[in-house]
Amino acid sequence: MVTWVPARICTVRRARVLTARVRAFCGACIRPFGYLTFVLALAALSASARLLGPEHELGFFAGRLNEMIRRYPEVMRPGVQMAWVAWAALFALAASPISPTHWDEVALGAIGLGALWRRTLGVRRAGR
């Protein structure tokens, strides 16, 4: 037995499938920029906490909020991974013959070495 399906329903289904695929593709393209924005916002929060200090109300609040967010690695991990991927891509572009200067290599290398220095030789905090 063959059931009759109106042509309009098939086109609506196709449109929904196409819309879902386009939305998934756009989300996959935009998500890395969201992760990078999150990492930059967290760096700005940390910098403001350090510059203002704990005796200033805003510095105290920024420091507490920064500690609270960094306490959860599942929140931080995708952003940090995307930041390292972006750094590697920029470093590869700077090391290529396309780049006219070598100062960008030096700057990106210094940023990478500073981050590795802080991670490997920095002060270890007691974890829970």
Protein backbone atom coordinates (compact mmCIF):
# COMPACT_ATOMS: atom_id res chain seq x y z
CA MET A 1 0.00 0.00 0.00
CA VAL A 2 1.40 3.36 -1.01
CA THR A 3 0.60 6.37 1.13
CA TRP A 4 0.16 9.71 -0.42
CA VAL A 5 2.35 12.52 0.96
CA PRO A 6 1.67 16.02 -0.25
CA ALA A 7 4.56 17.69 -2.06
CA ARG A 8 4.41 20.64 0.32
CA ILE A 9 5.33 18.46 3.34
CA CYS A 10 8.38 17.11 1.52
CA THR A 11 9.59 20.60 0.71
CA VAL A 12 9.03 21.71 4.31
CA ARG A 13 11.05 18.75 5.56
CA ARG A 14 13.83 19.48 3.09
CA ALA A 15 13.84 23.12 4.12
CA ARG A 16 14.08 22.15 7.79
CA VAL A 17 16.93 19.73 7.09
CA LEU A 18 18.72 22.36 5.02
CA THR A 19 18.19 24.98 7.72
CA ALA A 20 19.55 22.61 10.38
CA ARG A 21 22.63 21.87 8.28
CA VAL A 22 23.30 25.55 7.59
CA ARG A 23 22.86 26.36 11.28
CA ALA A 24 25.27 23.57 12.27
CA PHE A 25 27.84 24.76 9.72
CA CYS A 26 27.58 28.39 10.89
CA GLY A 27 27.84 27.29 14.50
CA ALA A 28 30.97 25.28 13.74
CA CYS A 29 32.53 28.29 12.01
CA ILE A 30 31.60 30.79 14.74
CA ARG A 31 32.35 28.64 17.82
CA PRO A 32 36.17 29.10 17.70
CA PHE A 33 35.76 32.88 17.74
CA GLY A 34 33.53 32.57 20.79
CA TYR A 35 36.19 30.51 22.56
CA LEU A 36 38.86 33.08 21.70
CA THR A 37 36.63 35.90 22.92
CA PHE A 38 36.07 34.03 26.18
CA VAL A 39 39.82 33.60 26.71
CA LEU A 40 40.46 37.29 25.95
CA ALA A 41 37.69 38.35 28.33
CA LEU A 42 39.15 36.15 31.06
CA ALA A 43 42.61 37.64 30.44
CA ALA A 44 41.12 41.14 30.73
CA LEU A 45 39.39 40.12 33.96
CA SER A 46 42.65 38.78 35.36
CA ALA A 47 44.55 41.91 34.30
CA SER A 48 42.00 44.20 35.91
CA ALA A 49 42.14 42.20 39.12
CA ARG A 50 45.93 42.52 39.20
CA LEU A 51 46.02 46.21 38.28
CA LEU A 52 43.34 47.31 40.73
CA GLY A 53 44.38 45.00 43.56
CA PRO A 54 42.26 43.36 46.24
CA GLU A 55 41.80 46.58 48.24
CA HIS A 56 39.77 48.14 45.43
CA GLU A 57 36.17 46.85 45.27
CA LEU A 58 36.21 46.21 41.54
CA GLY A 59 39.63 44.54 41.75
CA PHE A 60 38.44 42.31 44.56
CA PHE A 61 35.31 41.33 42.63
CA ALA A 62 37.26 40.71 39.41
CA GLY A 63 39.78 38.54 41.26
CA ARG A 64 37.07 36.45 42.90
CA LEU A 65 35.20 36.02 39.64
CA ASN A 66 38.41 35.10 37.83
CA GLU A 67 39.26 32.45 40.45
CA MET A 68 35.75 31.07 40.36
CA ILE A 69 35.75 30.65 36.57
CA ARG A 70 39.26 29.18 36.42
CA ARG A 71 38.34 26.60 39.05
CA TYR A 72 36.42 24.59 36.45
CA PRO A 73 38.72 23.09 33.80
CA GLU A 74 35.84 21.85 31.66
CA VAL A 75 34.87 25.48 31.09
CA MET A 76 38.41 26.64 30.39
CA ARG A 77 39.75 23.76 28.28
CA PRO A 78 38.06 24.50 24.90
CA GLY A 79 38.97 28.18 25.04
CA VAL A 80 42.59 27.51 25.92
CA GLN A 81 42.89 24.87 23.21
CA MET A 82 41.48 27.26 20.64
CA ALA A 83 43.86 29.99 21.80
CA TRP A 84 46.84 27.65 21.28
CA VAL A 85 45.54 26.65 17.82
CA ALA A 86 45.21 30.33 16.88
CA TRP A 87 48.71 31.01 18.23
CA ALA A 88 50.13 28.10 16.19
CA ALA A 89 48.40 29.30 13.03
CA LEU A 90 49.66 32.85 13.52
CA PHE A 91 53.19 31.57 14.24
CA ALA A 92 53.13 29.40 11.10
CA LEU A 93 51.99 32.42 9.08
CA ALA A 94 54.72 34.58 10.64
CA ALA A 95 57.41 31.96 9.94
CA SER A 96 56.35 31.55 6.31
CA PRO A 97 57.99 33.54 3.51
CA ILE A 98 54.77 35.56 3.16
CA SER A 99 55.60 37.60 6.26
CA PRO A 100 57.85 40.58 5.41
CA THR A 101 59.26 41.05 8.92
CA HIS A 102 60.64 38.76 11.58
CA TRP A 103 59.47 40.77 14.57
CA ASP A 104 56.10 39.08 14.53
CA GLU A 105 57.88 35.72 14.93
CA VAL A 106 59.80 37.13 17.87
CA ALA A 107 56.65 38.53 19.50
CA LEU A 108 54.65 35.30 19.04
CA GLY A 109 57.60 33.23 20.23
CA ALA A 110 57.92 35.39 23.34
CA ILE A 111 54.21 34.99 24.07
CA GLY A 112 54.46 31.22 23.69
CA LEU A 113 57.58 30.95 25.80
CA GLY A 114 56.06 33.18 28.48
CA ALA A 115 52.98 30.99 28.66
CA LEU A 116 55.05 27.80 28.82
CA TRP A 117 57.35 29.35 31.43
CA ARG A 118 54.43 30.27 33.63
CA ARG A 119 52.83 26.85 33.20
CA THR A 120 55.95 24.78 33.86
CA LEU A 121 57.89 26.89 36.36
CA GLY A 122 55.13 29.06 37.81
CA VAL A 123 53.85 28.89 41.35
CA ARG A 124 51.75 25.80 41.87
CA ARG A 125 48.48 26.28 43.64
CA ALA A 126 47.07 23.68 45.95
CA GLY A 127 44.11 22.04 44.25
CA ARG A 128 41.10 20.47 45.78
